[in-house]
Amino acid sequence: MPKLKTNRGAAKRFRTTGSGKVVRQKAYHSHILTKKSPKRKRNLRQGTLIDSADVKRIKRLIPFK
């Protein structure tokens, strides 16, 4: 069986917590920030857990992370 390879795109976008949950950053925080309220921009800074439906698929992409 070939060696497992990490999907490098996924490795840059997701990370696992100590308890094994998968964390992602929120979208819409890279440009056109002038029309967004400070509260909205502040909330976009925080990471969030990925949906439970996607956990298995994402963990397969980042087996060692």
N, C-alpha and C. Protein backbone atom coordinates (compact mmCIF):
# COMPACT_ATOMS: atom_id res chain seq x y z
N MET A 1 0.85 -1.19 0.00
CA MET A 1 0.00 0.00 0.00
C MET A 1 0.89 1.25 0.00
N PRO A 2 0.56 2.27 -0.80
CA PRO A 2 1.40 3.46 -0.86
C PRO A 2 1.30 4.28 0.44
N LYS A 3 2.29 5.13 0.60
CA LYS A 3 2.30 6.00 1.77
C LYS A 3 1.14 6.98 1.70
N LEU A 4 0.61 7.34 2.86
CA LEU A 4 -0.45 8.36 2.92
C LEU A 4 0.17 9.73 2.71
N LYS A 5 -0.49 10.55 1.91
CA LYS A 5 -0.02 11.92 1.71
C LYS A 5 -1.07 12.89 2.22
N THR A 6 -0.60 13.94 2.86
CA THR A 6 -1.49 14.98 3.33
C THR A 6 -1.86 15.87 2.15
N ASN A 7 -3.13 16.23 2.05
CA ASN A 7 -3.57 17.20 1.04
C ASN A 7 -3.11 18.58 1.52
N ARG A 8 -2.16 19.19 0.80
CA ARG A 8 -1.54 20.41 1.27
C ARG A 8 -2.50 21.60 1.33
N GLY A 9 -3.47 21.63 0.41
CA GLY A 9 -4.47 22.70 0.45
C GLY A 9 -5.31 22.62 1.70
N ALA A 10 -5.71 21.40 2.06
CA ALA A 10 -6.51 21.20 3.27
C ALA A 10 -5.69 21.47 4.53
N ALA A 11 -4.41 21.12 4.49
CA ALA A 11 -3.54 21.32 5.66
C ALA A 11 -3.40 22.80 6.01
N LYS A 12 -3.48 23.66 5.01
CA LYS A 12 -3.38 25.10 5.23
C LYS A 12 -4.70 25.70 5.72
N ARG A 13 -5.80 25.00 5.48
CA ARG A 13 -7.12 25.54 5.81
C ARG A 13 -7.71 24.99 7.11
N PHE A 14 -7.30 23.80 7.50
CA PHE A 14 -7.89 23.16 8.68
C PHE A 14 -6.82 22.73 9.65
N ARG A 15 -7.19 22.66 10.94
CA ARG A 15 -6.30 22.08 11.94
C ARG A 15 -7.17 21.35 12.95
N THR A 16 -6.57 20.39 13.62
CA THR A 16 -7.32 19.63 14.61
C THR A 16 -6.99 20.13 16.00
N THR A 17 -7.97 20.09 16.88
CA THR A 17 -7.77 20.50 18.27
C THR A 17 -7.22 19.30 19.04
N GLY A 18 -6.90 19.50 20.28
CA GLY A 18 -6.39 18.43 21.11
C GLY A 18 -7.38 17.30 21.29
N SER A 19 -8.66 17.63 21.28
CA SER A 19 -9.69 16.60 21.46
C SER A 19 -10.11 15.95 20.14
N GLY A 20 -9.49 16.38 19.03
CA GLY A 20 -9.76 15.74 17.75
C GLY A 20 -10.80 16.41 16.88
N LYS A 21 -11.31 17.58 17.31
CA LYS A 21 -12.26 18.32 16.48
C LYS A 21 -11.50 19.07 15.41
N VAL A 22 -12.16 19.39 14.30
CA VAL A 22 -11.51 20.07 13.19
C VAL A 22 -11.97 21.52 13.15
N VAL A 23 -11.00 22.45 13.09
CA VAL A 23 -11.27 23.88 13.15
C VAL A 23 -10.96 24.53 11.81
N ARG A 24 -11.76 25.51 11.43
CA ARG A 24 -11.54 26.27 10.20
C ARG A 24 -11.68 27.75 10.50
N GLN A 25 -11.18 28.58 9.59
CA GLN A 25 -11.38 30.03 9.70
C GLN A 25 -12.62 30.41 8.91
N LYS A 26 -13.23 31.52 9.28
CA LYS A 26 -14.43 31.97 8.59
C LYS A 26 -14.07 32.71 7.31
N ALA A 27 -14.98 32.67 6.36
CA ALA A 27 -14.78 33.34 5.07
C ALA A 27 -15.19 34.81 5.17
N TYR A 28 -14.99 35.56 4.08
CA TYR A 28 -15.41 36.97 3.93
C TYR A 28 -14.62 37.94 4.80
N HIS A 29 -13.38 37.63 5.10
CA HIS A 29 -12.58 38.56 5.91
C HIS A 29 -11.30 38.99 5.19
N SER A 30 -11.25 38.81 3.86
CA SER A 30 -10.01 39.12 3.16
C SER A 30 -10.03 40.47 2.44
N HIS A 31 -11.17 40.89 1.94
CA HIS A 31 -11.22 42.20 1.26
C HIS A 31 -12.65 42.74 1.30
N ILE A 32 -12.82 43.98 0.82
CA ILE A 32 -14.07 44.74 0.90
C ILE A 32 -14.55 44.79 2.37
N LEU A 33 -13.67 45.26 3.23
CA LEU A 33 -13.97 45.29 4.65
C LEU A 33 -14.59 46.61 5.09
N THR A 34 -14.58 47.62 4.21
CA THR A 34 -15.06 48.95 4.61
C THR A 34 -16.56 48.95 4.89
N LYS A 35 -17.32 48.16 4.16
CA LYS A 35 -18.78 48.15 4.35
C LYS A 35 -19.23 47.20 5.46
N LYS A 36 -18.31 46.43 6.02
CA LYS A 36 -18.67 45.49 7.08
C LYS A 36 -18.50 46.17 8.44
N SER A 37 -19.42 45.89 9.33
CA SER A 37 -19.39 46.53 10.64
C SER A 37 -18.23 45.96 11.48
N PRO A 38 -17.75 46.75 12.44
CA PRO A 38 -16.67 46.26 13.31
C PRO A 38 -17.05 44.97 14.04
N LYS A 39 -18.30 44.85 14.44
CA LYS A 39 -18.75 43.64 15.14
C LYS A 39 -18.65 42.43 14.21
N ARG A 40 -19.06 42.61 12.96
CA ARG A 40 -19.02 41.51 12.00
C ARG A 40 -17.58 41.10 11.72
N LYS A 41 -16.69 42.09 11.54
CA LYS A 41 -15.27 41.79 11.27
C LYS A 41 -14.61 41.10 12.46
N ARG A 42 -14.97 41.52 13.66
CA ARG A 42 -14.43 40.91 14.88
C ARG A 42 -14.85 39.45 14.98
N ASN A 43 -16.10 39.16 14.64
CA ASN A 43 -16.58 37.78 14.70
C ASN A 43 -15.98 36.91 13.61
N LEU A 44 -15.61 37.51 12.48
CA LEU A 44 -14.99 36.76 11.40
C LEU A 44 -13.56 36.32 11.73
N ARG A 45 -12.94 36.99 12.71
CA ARG A 45 -11.57 36.64 13.11
C ARG A 45 -11.49 35.29 13.81
N GLN A 46 -12.56 34.92 14.50
CA GLN A 46 -12.53 33.71 15.31
C GLN A 46 -12.75 32.46 14.46
N GLY A 47 -12.05 31.41 14.81
CA GLY A 47 -12.23 30.13 14.13
C GLY A 47 -13.53 29.48 14.55
N THR A 48 -13.95 28.49 13.81
CA THR A 48 -15.17 27.76 14.14
C THR A 48 -15.00 26.29 13.75
N LEU A 49 -15.80 25.43 14.35
CA LEU A 49 -15.72 24.00 14.04
C LEU A 49 -16.39 23.73 12.70
N ILE A 50 -15.88 22.75 11.97
CA ILE A 50 -16.52 22.40 10.71
C ILE A 50 -17.77 21.58 10.99
N ASP A 51 -18.66 21.55 10.02
CA ASP A 51 -19.93 20.83 10.17
C ASP A 51 -19.67 19.34 10.37
N SER A 52 -20.51 18.72 11.17
CA SER A 52 -20.32 17.30 11.49
C SER A 52 -20.38 16.40 10.26
N ALA A 53 -21.10 16.85 9.22
CA ALA A 53 -21.21 16.06 7.99
C ALA A 53 -19.89 16.00 7.23
N ASP A 54 -19.00 16.97 7.46
CA ASP A 54 -17.75 17.06 6.72
C ASP A 54 -16.54 16.51 7.48
N VAL A 55 -16.71 16.17 8.74
CA VAL A 55 -15.56 15.79 9.59
C VAL A 55 -14.79 14.61 9.00
N LYS A 56 -15.49 13.55 8.62
CA LYS A 56 -14.83 12.35 8.12
C LYS A 56 -14.03 12.65 6.86
N ARG A 57 -14.61 13.45 5.96
CA ARG A 57 -13.97 13.78 4.69
C ARG A 57 -12.70 14.62 4.91
N ILE A 58 -12.77 15.59 5.81
CA ILE A 58 -11.63 16.47 6.08
C ILE A 58 -10.52 15.71 6.80
N LYS A 59 -10.88 14.86 7.75
CA LYS A 59 -9.86 14.09 8.49
C LYS A 59 -9.09 13.16 7.57
N ARG A 60 -9.74 12.69 6.50
CA ARG A 60 -9.06 11.84 5.52
C ARG A 60 -8.01 12.65 4.74
N LEU A 61 -8.27 13.94 4.56
CA LEU A 61 -7.34 14.80 3.83
C LEU A 61 -6.12 15.19 4.67
N ILE A 62 -6.30 15.27 5.99
CA ILE A 62 -5.20 15.67 6.87
C ILE A 62 -4.94 14.57 7.92
N PRO A 63 -4.42 13.41 7.51
CA PRO A 63 -4.27 12.29 8.43
C PRO A 63 -3.26 12.50 9.56
N PHE A 64 -2.26 13.36 9.34
CA PHE A 64 -1.20 13.51 10.36
C PHE A 64 -1.28 14.83 11.12
N LYS A 65 -2.25 15.64 10.82
CA LYS A 65 -2.31 16.97 11.43
C LYS A 65 -3.15 16.99 12.68
